[in-house]
Amino acid sequence: MTDLVTLQARLLAAENAYHDYMITGSAQSISESGRSVTYTTANISELRRYINQLKDEISLMNGETNNRPLYL
């Protein structure tokens, strides 16, 4: 299981990448542990989904409940 600090760092990186994409419209990459993922217009919804997943995991670790809809 990933610790809270790591999840929060991942969320920050993902949100920054999404912000940069929205401002510039250009592809954004996120790298971690030697793995890199590049998000473009074609798959930006995957980045939004990843951000929501991280938020859900952080909420669970903090003992919070999640009332947002589940997107598959």
N, C-alpha and C. Protein backbone atom coordinates (compact mmCIF):
# COMPACT_ATOMS: atom_id res chain seq x y z
N MET A 1 0.85 -1.18 0.00
CA MET A 1 0.00 0.00 0.00
C MET A 1 0.90 1.25 0.00
N THR A 2 0.50 2.22 -0.74
CA THR A 2 1.24 3.47 -0.85
C THR A 2 0.90 4.38 0.32
N ASP A 3 1.90 5.08 0.83
CA ASP A 3 1.66 5.96 1.98
C ASP A 3 1.03 7.28 1.53
N LEU A 4 0.48 7.99 2.49
CA LEU A 4 -0.25 9.23 2.23
C LEU A 4 0.62 10.30 1.58
N VAL A 5 1.85 10.44 2.04
CA VAL A 5 2.73 11.47 1.48
C VAL A 5 3.00 11.21 0.00
N THR A 6 3.19 9.94 -0.36
CA THR A 6 3.43 9.59 -1.76
C THR A 6 2.21 9.89 -2.62
N LEU A 7 1.03 9.52 -2.10
CA LEU A 7 -0.21 9.81 -2.85
C LEU A 7 -0.41 11.30 -3.05
N GLN A 8 -0.12 12.09 -2.01
CA GLN A 8 -0.28 13.54 -2.12
C GLN A 8 0.71 14.12 -3.13
N ALA A 9 1.92 13.59 -3.18
CA ALA A 9 2.91 14.05 -4.16
C ALA A 9 2.47 13.71 -5.57
N ARG A 10 1.93 12.51 -5.74
CA ARG A 10 1.43 12.10 -7.06
C ARG A 10 0.27 12.99 -7.49
N LEU A 11 -0.62 13.29 -6.55
CA LEU A 11 -1.77 14.15 -6.86
C LEU A 11 -1.30 15.54 -7.28
N LEU A 12 -0.35 16.09 -6.56
CA LEU A 12 0.18 17.40 -6.91
C LEU A 12 0.78 17.40 -8.32
N ALA A 13 1.56 16.38 -8.63
CA ALA A 13 2.17 16.29 -9.97
C ALA A 13 1.09 16.16 -11.05
N ALA A 14 0.08 15.35 -10.79
CA ALA A 14 -0.99 15.15 -11.77
C ALA A 14 -1.81 16.43 -11.97
N GLU A 15 -2.13 17.10 -10.87
CA GLU A 15 -2.90 18.35 -10.98
C GLU A 15 -2.09 19.43 -11.68
N ASN A 16 -0.80 19.50 -11.43
CA ASN A 16 0.05 20.47 -12.13
C ASN A 16 0.11 20.16 -13.62
N ALA A 17 0.21 18.89 -13.97
CA ALA A 17 0.23 18.51 -15.39
C ALA A 17 -1.09 18.88 -16.05
N TYR A 18 -2.20 18.62 -15.37
CA TYR A 18 -3.51 18.97 -15.93
C TYR A 18 -3.64 20.48 -16.09
N HIS A 19 -3.20 21.23 -15.10
CA HIS A 19 -3.25 22.69 -15.17
C HIS A 19 -2.41 23.18 -16.37
N ASP A 20 -1.19 22.67 -16.48
CA ASP A 20 -0.33 23.08 -17.60
C ASP A 20 -0.96 22.73 -18.95
N TYR A 21 -1.59 21.56 -19.03
CA TYR A 21 -2.27 21.18 -20.27
C TYR A 21 -3.39 22.17 -20.58
N MET A 22 -4.19 22.52 -19.57
CA MET A 22 -5.31 23.43 -19.80
C MET A 22 -4.83 24.82 -20.21
N ILE A 23 -3.69 25.25 -19.69
CA ILE A 23 -3.17 26.58 -20.04
C ILE A 23 -2.50 26.57 -21.41
N THR A 24 -1.69 25.56 -21.68
CA THR A 24 -0.90 25.56 -22.92
C THR A 24 -1.52 24.75 -24.05
N GLY A 25 -2.32 23.74 -23.71
CA GLY A 25 -2.89 22.88 -24.73
C GLY A 25 -1.90 21.87 -25.28
N SER A 26 -0.71 21.83 -24.71
CA SER A 26 0.30 20.90 -25.22
C SER A 26 0.39 19.66 -24.33
N ALA A 27 0.96 18.61 -24.87
CA ALA A 27 1.10 17.35 -24.16
C ALA A 27 1.87 17.54 -22.86
N GLN A 28 1.49 16.79 -21.85
CA GLN A 28 2.13 16.86 -20.54
C GLN A 28 2.54 15.47 -20.11
N SER A 29 3.71 15.37 -19.48
CA SER A 29 4.21 14.08 -19.02
C SER A 29 4.33 14.07 -17.50
N ILE A 30 4.05 12.90 -16.93
CA ILE A 30 4.25 12.67 -15.51
C ILE A 30 5.20 11.48 -15.40
N SER A 31 6.26 11.65 -14.61
CA SER A 31 7.24 10.58 -14.43
C SER A 31 7.31 10.18 -12.96
N GLU A 32 7.43 8.87 -12.76
CA GLU A 32 7.59 8.35 -11.41
C GLU A 32 8.24 6.98 -11.47
N SER A 33 9.24 6.79 -10.68
CA SER A 33 9.93 5.50 -10.56
C SER A 33 10.37 4.96 -11.93
N GLY A 34 10.90 5.83 -12.76
CA GLY A 34 11.38 5.41 -14.06
C GLY A 34 10.30 5.19 -15.11
N ARG A 35 9.06 5.45 -14.77
CA ARG A 35 7.94 5.28 -15.70
C ARG A 35 7.39 6.65 -16.04
N SER A 36 7.12 6.88 -17.31
CA SER A 36 6.61 8.17 -17.74
C SER A 36 5.34 7.96 -18.56
N VAL A 37 4.35 8.81 -18.31
CA VAL A 37 3.11 8.78 -19.07
C VAL A 37 2.90 10.17 -19.64
N THR A 38 2.60 10.24 -20.93
CA THR A 38 2.33 11.52 -21.58
C THR A 38 0.86 11.62 -21.89
N TYR A 39 0.26 12.73 -21.49
CA TYR A 39 -1.16 12.97 -21.71
C TYR A 39 -1.32 14.02 -22.80
N THR A 40 -2.20 13.73 -23.76
CA THR A 40 -2.49 14.63 -24.87
C THR A 40 -4.01 14.84 -24.95
N THR A 41 -4.44 15.57 -25.93
CA THR A 41 -5.86 15.78 -26.13
C THR A 41 -6.60 14.45 -26.24
N ALA A 42 -5.98 13.47 -26.86
CA ALA A 42 -6.61 12.18 -27.08
C ALA A 42 -6.88 11.41 -25.79
N ASN A 43 -6.06 11.62 -24.76
CA ASN A 43 -6.24 10.84 -23.54
C ASN A 43 -6.26 11.68 -22.26
N ILE A 44 -6.60 12.96 -22.38
CA ILE A 44 -6.62 13.83 -21.20
C ILE A 44 -7.66 13.36 -20.18
N SER A 45 -8.70 12.68 -20.64
CA SER A 45 -9.71 12.16 -19.71
C SER A 45 -9.09 11.12 -18.78
N GLU A 46 -8.06 10.41 -19.23
CA GLU A 46 -7.37 9.45 -18.37
C GLU A 46 -6.64 10.18 -17.24
N LEU A 47 -6.11 11.35 -17.52
CA LEU A 47 -5.45 12.13 -16.48
C LEU A 47 -6.47 12.61 -15.45
N ARG A 48 -7.63 13.06 -15.90
CA ARG A 48 -8.68 13.46 -14.96
C ARG A 48 -9.12 12.28 -14.10
N ARG A 49 -9.23 11.12 -14.71
CA ARG A 49 -9.62 9.91 -13.99
C ARG A 49 -8.55 9.54 -12.95
N TYR A 50 -7.28 9.68 -13.32
CA TYR A 50 -6.17 9.41 -12.41
C TYR A 50 -6.20 10.37 -11.21
N ILE A 51 -6.46 11.63 -11.47
CA ILE A 51 -6.57 12.62 -10.40
C ILE A 51 -7.69 12.24 -9.44
N ASN A 52 -8.84 11.86 -9.98
CA ASN A 52 -9.97 11.47 -9.13
C ASN A 52 -9.64 10.21 -8.33
N GLN A 53 -8.94 9.28 -8.94
CA GLN A 53 -8.54 8.05 -8.24
C GLN A 53 -7.62 8.39 -7.06
N LEU A 54 -6.65 9.26 -7.30
CA LEU A 54 -5.75 9.66 -6.22
C LEU A 54 -6.51 10.36 -5.10
N LYS A 55 -7.43 11.24 -5.46
CA LYS A 55 -8.23 11.94 -4.45
C LYS A 55 -9.04 10.94 -3.61
N ASP A 56 -9.60 9.93 -4.27
CA ASP A 56 -10.36 8.91 -3.56
C ASP A 56 -9.47 8.14 -2.59
N GLU A 57 -8.28 7.75 -3.03
CA GLU A 57 -7.36 7.00 -2.17
C GLU A 57 -6.93 7.84 -0.97
N ILE A 58 -6.67 9.11 -1.20
CA ILE A 58 -6.28 10.01 -0.11
C ILE A 58 -7.43 10.16 0.88
N SER A 59 -8.64 10.32 0.37
CA SER A 59 -9.82 10.46 1.24
C SER A 59 -10.00 9.22 2.10
N LEU A 60 -9.83 8.05 1.50
CA LEU A 60 -9.97 6.81 2.27
C LEU A 60 -8.92 6.71 3.36
N MET A 61 -7.69 7.10 3.04
CA MET A 61 -6.62 7.05 4.04
C MET A 61 -6.87 8.03 5.18
N ASN A 62 -7.59 9.11 4.89
CA ASN A 62 -7.91 10.11 5.90
C ASN A 62 -9.21 9.79 6.63
N GLY A 63 -9.82 8.66 6.29
CA GLY A 63 -11.06 8.26 6.94
C GLY A 63 -12.29 8.99 6.46
N GLU A 64 -12.19 9.66 5.33
CA GLU A 64 -13.31 10.41 4.78
C GLU A 64 -14.14 9.49 3.88
N THR A 65 -15.41 9.84 3.73
CA THR A 65 -16.26 9.09 2.80
C THR A 65 -16.32 9.80 1.47
N ASN A 66 -16.63 9.07 0.45
CA ASN A 66 -16.67 9.61 -0.91
C ASN A 66 -18.08 9.47 -1.44
N ASN A 67 -18.70 10.57 -1.78
CA ASN A 67 -20.05 10.54 -2.32
C ASN A 67 -20.09 10.92 -3.79
N ARG A 68 -18.90 10.94 -4.43
CA ARG A 68 -18.85 11.26 -5.85
C ARG A 68 -19.27 10.04 -6.66
N PRO A 69 -19.80 10.25 -7.87
CA PRO A 69 -20.16 9.11 -8.72
C PRO A 69 -18.93 8.33 -9.15
N LEU A 70 -19.10 7.07 -9.40
CA LEU A 70 -18.02 6.20 -9.85
C LEU A 70 -18.03 6.17 -11.37
N TYR A 71 -16.91 6.51 -12.00
CA TYR A 71 -16.79 6.49 -13.45
C TYR A 71 -15.92 5.31 -13.86
N LEU A 72 -16.42 4.51 -14.76
CA LEU A 72 -15.67 3.36 -15.24
C LEU A 72 -15.22 3.55 -16.66
